[in-house]
Amino acid sequence: MSRENGTIVVSGVRPTGHLHLGNYFGAVRNFAAMQTRFNCTFFIADLHSLTTHPTPSGLQGAVRQIMAEYLACGVDPELSTIYVQSDLPETVMLYLFLNMNAYLGELQRCASFKEKVRKNPNNVNAGLLTYPTLMAADILIHRANYVPVGKDQEQHLEMARTFAQRFNRMYGVELFP
């Protein structure tokens, strides 16, 4: 699919139940409009949802629910790539490499991590800490130019830029934009 200026758009939603207003207004309502202009990839972030320890059957049902809601909101599989995050194992490999170059302090300073720790001090797991690194892998694996996210994810987007630059520098490549 060759579209406007070769712009690659990537965005995903965690399958934690029905899409909520933040998902819809922050990202999904724009997906249908973007897919006619750009090379769009939209995914269901099932690996991100593992930080909250869903049951396997609950997660499978939530993935199906989000897929149905993507389609109902106008995301067209003929115009966009739609996939489940865990179906792309290369993302996990890149996540590993990015984690090896992410610093503990920068991850601990992340506002969303601090908020999750404050809200649920009994569920402080490594997945919460490295959430921005996995998000960076989701973006960088596609070499995305544009990532529509909500306000709560803007810091993660900045961290993805940092991780991309660090990766390129450390390995002497220009792999990521």
C-alpha atoms as a PDB file:
ATOM      1  CA  MET A   1       0.000   0.000   0.000  1.00  0.00           C
ATOM      2  CA  SER A   2       1.765   3.122  -1.183  1.00  0.00           C
ATOM      3  CA  ARG A   3       0.236   6.219   0.278  1.00  0.00           C
ATOM      4  CA  GLU A   4       1.015   9.850   1.033  1.00  0.00           C
ATOM      5  CA  ASN A   5       4.754  10.469   1.334  1.00  0.00           C
ATOM      6  CA  GLY A   6       5.350   6.899   2.528  1.00  0.00           C
ATOM      7  CA  THR A   7       4.269   7.918   6.038  1.00  0.00           C
ATOM      8  CA  ILE A   8       4.008   4.893   8.319  1.00  0.00           C
ATOM      9  CA  VAL A   9       1.447   5.140  11.112  1.00  0.00           C
ATOM     10  CA  VAL A  10       1.464   2.676  14.022  1.00  0.00           C
ATOM     11  CA  SER A  11      -0.840   2.572  17.013  1.00  0.00           C
ATOM     12  CA  GLY A  12      -2.236  -0.005  19.382  1.00  0.00           C
ATOM     13  CA  VAL A  13      -4.771  -0.466  22.146  1.00  0.00           C
ATOM     14  CA  ARG A  14      -4.491  -2.700  25.202  1.00  0.00           C
ATOM     15  CA  PRO A  15      -7.269  -5.304  25.354  1.00  0.00           C
ATOM     16  CA  THR A  16      -8.501  -4.577  28.854  1.00  0.00           C
ATOM     17  CA  GLY A  17     -12.188  -4.613  27.988  1.00  0.00           C
ATOM     18  CA  HIS A  18     -14.295  -2.459  25.706  1.00  0.00           C
ATOM     19  CA  LEU A  19     -12.723   0.557  24.049  1.00  0.00           C
ATOM     20  CA  HIS A  20     -13.291   3.537  26.321  1.00  0.00           C
ATOM     21  CA  LEU A  21     -13.734   7.191  25.448  1.00  0.00           C
ATOM     22  CA  GLY A  22     -10.019   7.865  25.919  1.00  0.00           C
ATOM     23  CA  ASN A  23      -9.174   5.132  23.381  1.00  0.00           C
ATOM     24  CA  TYR A  24     -11.783   6.379  20.972  1.00  0.00           C
ATOM     25  CA  PHE A  25     -11.078  10.114  21.133  1.00  0.00           C
ATOM     26  CA  GLY A  26      -7.333   9.700  21.690  1.00  0.00           C
ATOM     27  CA  ALA A  27      -6.689   7.373  18.790  1.00  0.00           C
ATOM     28  CA  VAL A  28      -9.260   5.036  17.266  1.00  0.00           C
ATOM     29  CA  ARG A  29     -11.638   7.606  15.747  1.00  0.00           C
ATOM     30  CA  ASN A  30      -8.723   8.902  13.677  1.00  0.00           C
ATOM     31  CA  PHE A  31      -7.680   5.449  12.459  1.00  0.00           C
ATOM     32  CA  ALA A  32     -10.367   5.214   9.770  1.00  0.00           C
ATOM     33  CA  ALA A  33      -9.469   8.617   8.323  1.00  0.00           C
ATOM     34  CA  MET A  34      -5.718   7.979   8.409  1.00  0.00           C
ATOM     35  CA  GLN A  35      -5.871   4.615   6.667  1.00  0.00           C
ATOM     36  CA  THR A  36      -6.882   6.188   3.359  1.00  0.00           C
ATOM     37  CA  ARG A  37      -3.904   8.585   3.431  1.00  0.00           C
ATOM     38  CA  PHE A  38      -1.089   6.679   5.129  1.00  0.00           C
ATOM     39  CA  ASN A  39       0.427   3.208   5.479  1.00  0.00           C
ATOM     40  CA  CYS A  40      -1.312   2.229   8.714  1.00  0.00           C
ATOM     41  CA  THR A  41      -0.656  -0.595  11.125  1.00  0.00           C
ATOM     42  CA  PHE A  42      -2.970  -0.983  14.090  1.00  0.00           C
ATOM     43  CA  PHE A  43      -2.437  -3.670  16.681  1.00  0.00           C
ATOM     44  CA  ILE A  44      -3.991  -5.122  19.784  1.00  0.00           C
ATOM     45  CA  ALA A  45      -1.412  -4.813  22.558  1.00  0.00           C
ATOM     46  CA  ASP A  46      -1.950  -8.129  24.333  1.00  0.00           C
ATOM     47  CA  LEU A  47       1.632  -8.270  25.651  1.00  0.00           C
ATOM     48  CA  HIS A  48       1.193  -4.882  27.314  1.00  0.00           C
ATOM     49  CA  SER A  49      -1.917  -6.173  29.068  1.00  0.00           C
ATOM     50  CA  LEU A  50       0.081  -8.949  30.754  1.00  0.00           C
ATOM     51  CA  THR A  51       1.221  -6.419  33.369  1.00  0.00           C
ATOM     52  CA  THR A  52      -2.237  -6.750  34.946  1.00  0.00           C
ATOM     53  CA  HIS A  53      -2.194 -10.591  34.963  1.00  0.00           C
ATOM     54  CA  PRO A  54      -5.326 -11.381  32.929  1.00  0.00           C
ATOM     55  CA  THR A  55      -6.577 -14.941  32.714  1.00  0.00           C
ATOM     56  CA  PRO A  56      -5.835 -16.631  29.364  1.00  0.00           C
ATOM     57  CA  SER A  57      -9.528 -16.908  28.494  1.00  0.00           C
ATOM     58  CA  GLY A  58     -10.180 -13.331  29.605  1.00  0.00           C
ATOM     59  CA  LEU A  59      -7.324 -12.059  27.460  1.00  0.00           C
ATOM     60  CA  GLN A  60      -8.480 -14.028  24.406  1.00  0.00           C
ATOM     61  CA  GLY A  61     -11.992 -12.647  24.779  1.00  0.00           C
ATOM     62  CA  ALA A  62     -10.704  -9.099  25.217  1.00  0.00           C
ATOM     63  CA  VAL A  63      -8.531  -9.423  22.088  1.00  0.00           C
ATOM     64  CA  ARG A  64     -11.558 -10.548  20.065  1.00  0.00           C
ATOM     65  CA  GLN A  65     -13.602  -7.690  21.533  1.00  0.00           C
ATOM     66  CA  ILE A  66     -11.049  -5.030  20.560  1.00  0.00           C
ATOM     67  CA  MET A  67     -10.729  -6.520  17.066  1.00  0.00           C
ATOM     68  CA  ALA A  68     -14.507  -6.297  16.626  1.00  0.00           C
ATOM     69  CA  GLU A  69     -14.508  -2.723  17.922  1.00  0.00           C
ATOM     70  CA  TYR A  70     -11.659  -1.714  15.586  1.00  0.00           C
ATOM     71  CA  LEU A  71     -13.741  -2.996  12.678  1.00  0.00           C
ATOM     72  CA  ALA A  72     -16.900  -1.313  14.005  1.00  0.00           C
ATOM     73  CA  CYS A  73     -15.023   2.006  14.230  1.00  0.00           C
ATOM     74  CA  GLY A  74     -14.132   1.771  10.544  1.00  0.00           C
ATOM     75  CA  VAL A  75     -10.659   0.246  10.567  1.00  0.00           C
ATOM     76  CA  ASP A  76     -10.583  -1.644   7.273  1.00  0.00           C
ATOM     77  CA  PRO A  77      -8.297  -4.694   6.940  1.00  0.00           C
ATOM     78  CA  GLU A  78      -8.191  -4.020   3.183  1.00  0.00           C
ATOM     79  CA  LEU A  79      -6.606  -0.607   3.843  1.00  0.00           C
ATOM     80  CA  SER A  80      -4.647  -1.223   7.051  1.00  0.00           C
ATOM     81  CA  THR A  81      -2.642  -3.957   8.675  1.00  0.00           C
ATOM     82  CA  ILE A  82      -4.334  -5.155  11.859  1.00  0.00           C
ATOM     83  CA  TYR A  83      -2.650  -7.703  14.101  1.00  0.00           C
ATOM     84  CA  VAL A  84      -2.277  -9.007  17.631  1.00  0.00           C
ATOM     85  CA  GLN A  85       1.009  -7.873  19.192  1.00  0.00           C
ATOM     86  CA  SER A  86       2.110 -11.348  20.299  1.00  0.00           C
ATOM     87  CA  ASP A  87       1.750 -12.605  16.709  1.00  0.00           C
ATOM     88  CA  LEU A  88       4.853 -10.609  15.740  1.00  0.00           C
ATOM     89  CA  PRO A  89       7.728 -12.271  17.668  1.00  0.00           C
ATOM     90  CA  GLU A  90      10.272  -9.817  16.235  1.00  0.00           C
ATOM     91  CA  THR A  91       8.776  -7.185  18.525  1.00  0.00           C
ATOM     92  CA  VAL A  92       9.791  -9.238  21.553  1.00  0.00           C
ATOM     93  CA  MET A  93      13.324  -9.642  20.182  1.00  0.00           C
ATOM     94  CA  LEU A  94      13.652  -5.891  19.656  1.00  0.00           C
ATOM     95  CA  TYR A  95      12.185  -5.320  23.132  1.00  0.00           C
ATOM     96  CA  LEU A  96      15.016  -7.447  24.533  1.00  0.00           C
ATOM     97  CA  PHE A  97      17.688  -5.424  22.704  1.00  0.00           C
ATOM     98  CA  LEU A  98      16.122  -2.126  23.756  1.00  0.00           C
ATOM     99  CA  ASN A  99      15.884  -3.299  27.374  1.00  0.00           C
ATOM    100  CA  MET A 100      19.608  -4.044  27.363  1.00  0.00           C
ATOM    101  CA  ASN A 101      20.192  -0.381  26.540  1.00  0.00           C
ATOM    102  CA  ALA A 102      17.507   1.181  28.753  1.00  0.00           C
ATOM    103  CA  TYR A 103      18.658   2.569  32.075  1.00  0.00           C
ATOM    104  CA  LEU A 104      16.883   1.699  35.301  1.00  0.00           C
ATOM    105  CA  GLY A 105      16.736   5.332  36.422  1.00  0.00           C
ATOM    106  CA  GLU A 106      15.064   6.569  33.244  1.00  0.00           C
ATOM    107  CA  LEU A 107      12.449   3.815  33.472  1.00  0.00           C
ATOM    108  CA  GLN A 108      11.806   4.505  37.169  1.00  0.00           C
ATOM    109  CA  ARG A 109      11.317   8.229  36.454  1.00  0.00           C
ATOM    110  CA  CYS A 110       8.517   7.484  33.998  1.00  0.00           C
ATOM    111  CA  ALA A 111       5.328   9.192  35.201  1.00  0.00           C
ATOM    112  CA  SER A 112       3.081   6.276  34.232  1.00  0.00           C
ATOM    113  CA  PHE A 113       5.250   3.829  36.204  1.00  0.00           C
ATOM    114  CA  LYS A 114       5.126   6.053  39.290  1.00  0.00           C
ATOM    115  CA  GLU A 115       1.341   6.336  38.944  1.00  0.00           C
ATOM    116  CA  LYS A 116       0.877   2.553  38.607  1.00  0.00           C
ATOM    117  CA  VAL A 117       3.081   1.966  41.673  1.00  0.00           C
ATOM    118  CA  ARG A 118       1.086   4.536  43.648  1.00  0.00           C
ATOM    119  CA  LYS A 119      -2.256   3.029  42.617  1.00  0.00           C
ATOM    120  CA  ASN A 120      -1.301  -0.616  43.088  1.00  0.00           C
ATOM    121  CA  PRO A 121       1.819  -1.081  45.235  1.00  0.00           C
ATOM    122  CA  ASN A 122       1.199  -4.851  45.406  1.00  0.00           C
ATOM    123  CA  ASN A 123       1.644  -5.277  41.637  1.00  0.00           C
ATOM    124  CA  VAL A 124       4.972  -3.640  40.855  1.00  0.00           C
ATOM    125  CA  ASN A 125       6.362  -5.957  38.203  1.00  0.00           C
ATOM    126  CA  ALA A 126       9.131  -5.690  35.621  1.00  0.00           C
ATOM    127  CA  GLY A 127       6.536  -5.440  32.846  1.00  0.00           C
ATOM    128  CA  LEU A 128       5.248  -2.180  34.321  1.00  0.00           C
ATOM    129  CA  LEU A 129       8.775  -0.834  34.578  1.00  0.00           C
ATOM    130  CA  THR A 130       9.701  -1.767  31.011  1.00  0.00           C
ATOM    131  CA  TYR A 131       6.341  -0.844  29.459  1.00  0.00           C
ATOM    132  CA  PRO A 132       7.932   2.127  27.623  1.00  0.00           C
ATOM    133  CA  THR A 133      10.589  -0.174  26.170  1.00  0.00           C
ATOM    134  CA  LEU A 134       7.968  -2.554  24.783  1.00  0.00           C
ATOM    135  CA  MET A 135       6.053   0.406  23.382  1.00  0.00           C
ATOM    136  CA  ALA A 136       9.271   1.597  21.723  1.00  0.00           C
ATOM    137  CA  ALA A 137       9.706  -1.855  20.166  1.00  0.00           C
ATOM    138  CA  ASP A 138       6.109  -1.717  18.874  1.00  0.00           C
ATOM    139  CA  ILE A 139       6.885   1.570  17.147  1.00  0.00           C
ATOM    140  CA  LEU A 140      10.417   0.924  15.960  1.00  0.00           C
ATOM    141  CA  ILE A 141       9.780  -2.544  14.521  1.00  0.00           C
ATOM    142  CA  HIS A 142       7.690  -0.781  11.847  1.00  0.00           C
ATOM    143  CA  ARG A 143       9.972   2.283  11.580  1.00  0.00           C
ATOM    144  CA  ALA A 144       6.889   4.409  12.183  1.00  0.00           C
ATOM    145  CA  ASN A 145       6.884   8.100  11.302  1.00  0.00           C
ATOM    146  CA  TYR A 146       3.678   8.910  13.135  1.00  0.00           C
ATOM    147  CA  VAL A 147       2.247   7.373  16.297  1.00  0.00           C
ATOM    148  CA  PRO A 148      -1.129   8.701  17.434  1.00  0.00           C
ATOM    149  CA  VAL A 149      -1.242   8.353  21.214  1.00  0.00           C
ATOM    150  CA  GLY A 150      -3.120   9.855  24.108  1.00  0.00           C
ATOM    151  CA  LYS A 151      -1.575  12.453  26.421  1.00  0.00           C
ATOM    152  CA  ASP A 152      -0.699   9.749  28.956  1.00  0.00           C
ATOM    153  CA  GLN A 153       1.606   8.090  26.404  1.00  0.00           C
ATOM    154  CA  GLU A 154       3.558  11.163  25.235  1.00  0.00           C
ATOM    155  CA  GLN A 155       6.448  10.511  27.629  1.00  0.00           C
ATOM    156  CA  HIS A 156       6.695   6.953  26.285  1.00  0.00           C
ATOM    157  CA  LEU A 157       6.882   8.339  22.762  1.00  0.00           C
ATOM    158  CA  GLU A 158       9.802  10.575  23.762  1.00  0.00           C
ATOM    159  CA  MET A 159      11.482   7.580  25.380  1.00  0.00           C
ATOM    160  CA  ALA A 160      11.050   5.619  22.128  1.00  0.00           C
ATOM    161  CA  ARG A 161      12.966   8.362  20.304  1.00  0.00           C
ATOM    162  CA  THR A 162      15.700   8.178  22.921  1.00  0.00           C
ATOM    163  CA  PHE A 163      15.898   4.378  22.702  1.00  0.00           C
ATOM    164  CA  ALA A 164      16.045   4.530  18.878  1.00  0.00           C
ATOM    165  CA  GLN A 165      18.879   7.059  18.908  1.00  0.00           C
ATOM    166  CA  ARG A 166      20.749   5.089  21.554  1.00  0.00           C
ATOM    167  CA  PHE A 167      20.342   1.834  19.618  1.00  0.00           C
ATOM    168  CA  ASN A 168      21.599   3.444  16.402  1.00  0.00           C
ATOM    169  CA  ARG A 169      24.588   4.953  18.230  1.00  0.00           C
ATOM    170  CA  MET A 170      25.504   1.832  20.217  1.00  0.00           C
ATOM    171  CA  TYR A 171      25.373  -0.482  17.216  1.00  0.00           C
ATOM    172  CA  GLY A 172      26.753   2.009  14.683  1.00  0.00           C
ATOM    173  CA  VAL A 173      23.702   1.804  12.427  1.00  0.00           C
ATOM    174  CA  GLU A 174      20.971   4.107  11.162  1.00  0.00           C
ATOM    175  CA  LEU A 175      18.243   1.516  11.519  1.00  0.00           C
ATOM    176  CA  PHE A 176      15.555   3.620  13.174  1.00  0.00           C
ATOM    177  CA  PRO A 177      14.310   7.088  12.225  1.00  0.00           C
END
